[in-house]
N, C-alpha and C. Protein backbone atom coordinates (compact mmCIF):
# COMPACT_ATOMS: atom_id res chain seq x y z
N MET A 1 91.72 112.74 101.56
CA MET A 1 91.01 112.05 102.60
C MET A 1 91.31 112.07 104.23
N SER A 2 90.80 112.18 105.04
CA SER A 2 91.25 112.23 106.33
C SER A 2 91.54 110.67 106.83
N PHE A 3 92.11 110.48 107.91
CA PHE A 3 92.44 109.11 108.45
C PHE A 3 91.42 108.54 109.02
N LEU A 4 90.48 109.29 109.75
CA LEU A 4 89.07 108.97 110.49
C LEU A 4 88.13 108.51 109.47
N LEU A 5 87.89 109.36 108.29
CA LEU A 5 86.96 108.92 107.53
C LEU A 5 87.40 107.79 106.72
N TYR A 6 88.60 107.54 106.31
CA TYR A 6 89.08 106.17 105.67
C TYR A 6 88.86 105.31 106.73
N MET A 7 89.14 105.21 107.82
CA MET A 7 88.82 104.18 108.89
C MET A 7 87.53 103.85 109.13
N ILE A 8 86.48 104.99 109.14
CA ILE A 8 85.31 104.55 109.47
C ILE A 8 84.58 103.53 108.07
N GLY A 9 84.97 104.16 107.21
CA GLY A 9 84.74 103.45 106.18
C GLY A 9 85.21 102.13 105.89
N PHE A 10 86.56 102.01 106.22
CA PHE A 10 87.13 100.29 106.48
C PHE A 10 86.00 99.77 107.58
N LEU A 11 85.87 100.28 108.65
CA LEU A 11 85.26 99.49 109.38
C LEU A 11 83.53 99.02 108.93
N ILE A 12 83.05 99.89 108.41
CA ILE A 12 81.96 99.48 107.49
C ILE A 12 82.12 98.36 106.79
N VAL A 13 83.11 98.26 106.00
CA VAL A 13 83.31 97.26 105.10
C VAL A 13 83.60 95.83 105.68
N ILE A 14 84.35 96.08 106.96
CA ILE A 14 84.61 94.87 107.93
C ILE A 14 83.47 94.27 108.60
N GLY A 15 82.29 95.44 108.93
CA GLY A 15 81.26 94.98 109.40
C GLY A 15 80.38 94.24 108.71
N GLY A 16 80.40 94.90 107.49
CA GLY A 16 79.23 93.99 106.14
C GLY A 16 80.28 92.89 106.30
N LEU A 17 81.35 92.48 105.89
CA LEU A 17 81.90 91.21 105.65
C LEU A 17 81.78 90.22 106.75
N ALA A 18 81.76 90.84 107.99
CA ALA A 18 81.92 89.53 109.32
C ALA A 18 80.08 89.11 109.40
N TRP A 19 79.09 90.15 109.08
CA TRP A 19 77.70 90.12 109.16
C TRP A 19 77.15 88.98 107.90
N GLY A 20 77.83 89.35 106.95
CA GLY A 20 77.60 88.07 105.80
C GLY A 20 78.41 86.77 106.05
N ALA A 21 79.46 86.93 106.60
CA ALA A 21 80.11 85.53 107.18
C ALA A 21 79.00 84.83 108.28
N THR A 22 78.63 85.84 108.93
CA THR A 22 77.85 85.01 110.27
C THR A 22 76.60 84.42 109.46
N VAL A 23 76.14 85.07 108.77
CA VAL A 23 74.71 84.57 108.17
C VAL A 23 75.02 83.25 107.02
N ALA A 24 76.02 83.17 106.83
CA ALA A 24 76.79 82.23 105.84
C ALA A 24 77.25 80.90 106.75
N GLY A 25 77.20 81.35 107.71
CA GLY A 25 77.50 80.04 109.09
C GLY A 25 78.95 79.75 109.09
N VAL A 26 79.53 80.68 109.12
CA VAL A 26 81.22 80.65 109.31
C VAL A 26 81.47 80.60 110.54
N PRO A 27 81.85 79.94 111.40
CA PRO A 27 82.55 79.72 112.58
C PRO A 27 83.16 81.09 112.97
N GLN A 28 82.39 81.29 114.44
CA GLN A 28 83.06 82.83 114.99
C GLN A 28 84.55 82.97 115.28
N LEU A 29 85.22 82.01 115.75
CA LEU A 29 86.73 82.26 115.56
C LEU A 29 87.49 82.92 114.24
N TYR A 30 86.89 81.89 113.24
CA TYR A 30 87.70 82.78 112.05
C TYR A 30 87.00 83.95 111.24
N ILE A 31 85.50 84.48 111.84
CA ILE A 31 85.46 85.64 111.67
C ILE A 31 86.27 86.69 112.26
N ILE A 32 86.39 86.48 113.40
CA ILE A 32 87.02 87.40 114.63
C ILE A 32 88.57 87.69 113.94
N ILE A 33 89.18 86.33 113.58
CA ILE A 33 90.76 86.37 113.30
C ILE A 33 90.80 87.39 111.78
N GLY A 34 89.82 87.20 110.86
CA GLY A 34 89.61 87.78 109.60
C GLY A 34 89.29 89.15 109.72
N ALA A 35 88.70 89.45 110.81
CA ALA A 35 88.37 91.04 111.12
C ALA A 35 89.54 91.71 111.58
N VAL A 36 90.61 91.12 112.41
CA VAL A 36 91.71 91.78 113.04
C VAL A 36 92.73 91.60 111.94
N VAL A 37 92.58 90.76 110.88
CA VAL A 37 93.51 90.67 109.87
C VAL A 37 93.16 92.19 108.92
N LEU A 38 91.80 92.01 108.77
CA LEU A 38 91.42 93.24 107.69
C LEU A 38 91.77 94.59 108.60
N LEU A 39 91.44 94.93 109.72
CA LEU A 39 91.74 95.85 110.79
C LEU A 39 93.16 96.29 110.24
N GLY A 40 94.19 95.25 110.46
CA GLY A 40 95.32 95.86 110.37
C GLY A 40 95.65 96.31 109.00
N ILE A 41 95.24 95.40 107.92
CA ILE A 41 95.61 96.00 106.56
C ILE A 41 94.69 97.26 106.37
N GLY A 42 93.62 97.80 106.69
CA GLY A 42 93.08 98.99 106.86
C GLY A 42 94.16 100.11 107.56
N ILE A 43 94.41 99.74 108.73
CA ILE A 43 95.29 100.53 109.34
C ILE A 43 96.63 101.15 108.37
N LEU A 44 97.26 99.93 108.16
CA LEU A 44 98.39 99.98 107.34
C LEU A 44 98.01 100.81 105.93
N THR A 45 96.81 100.75 105.11
CA THR A 45 96.53 101.36 103.85
C THR A 45 96.24 102.85 104.23
N ALA A 46 95.39 103.11 105.55
CA ALA A 46 94.93 104.61 105.59
C ALA A 46 95.93 105.25 106.05
N VAL A 47 97.35 104.71 106.63
CA VAL A 47 98.19 105.80 107.28
C VAL A 47 99.28 106.36 105.93
N SER A 48 99.24 104.82 105.19
CA SER A 48 100.08 105.15 103.88
C SER A 48 99.23 106.12 102.93
N ASN A 49 98.14 106.33 102.86
CA ASN A 49 97.14 106.98 101.93
C ASN A 49 97.01 108.28 102.42
N THR A 50 96.92 108.48 103.42
CA THR A 50 96.73 109.92 104.63
C THR A 50 98.02 110.78 104.90
N ARG A 51 99.20 110.00 105.05
CA ARG A 51 100.13 110.81 105.61
C ARG A 51 100.88 111.79 104.96
N HIS A 52 101.41 112.85 105.50
CA HIS A 52 101.69 114.10 104.63
C HIS A 52 102.99 113.64 104.05
N ARG A 53 103.24 113.91 102.87
CA ARG A 53 104.79 113.66 102.40
C ARG A 53 105.41 114.93 102.34
N ASP A 54 106.72 114.50 102.66
CA ASP A 54 107.83 115.83 102.89
C ASP A 54 107.59 116.66 101.33
N PRO A 55 107.61 117.74 101.58
CA PRO A 55 108.00 118.75 100.10
C PRO A 55 109.17 118.50 99.87
N PRO A 56 109.41 118.58 98.42
CA PRO A 56 110.65 118.41 97.68
C PRO A 56 111.73 119.73 97.97
N ASN A 57 112.60 119.56 98.17
CA ASN A 57 113.92 120.88 98.20
C ASN A 57 113.80 121.39 97.03
């Protein structure tokens, strides 16, 4: 799976969660903080899942 595809999917998930939190009445500051944290987690997991491993010797 490519890094770009992984990140697009993760951004869709973050957008859905942010929209749901907005509808539920969560303050905007908490939504922004949560989205930034989730984005960081998404980048870390995308890099670890899509990086090319060194071939064994």
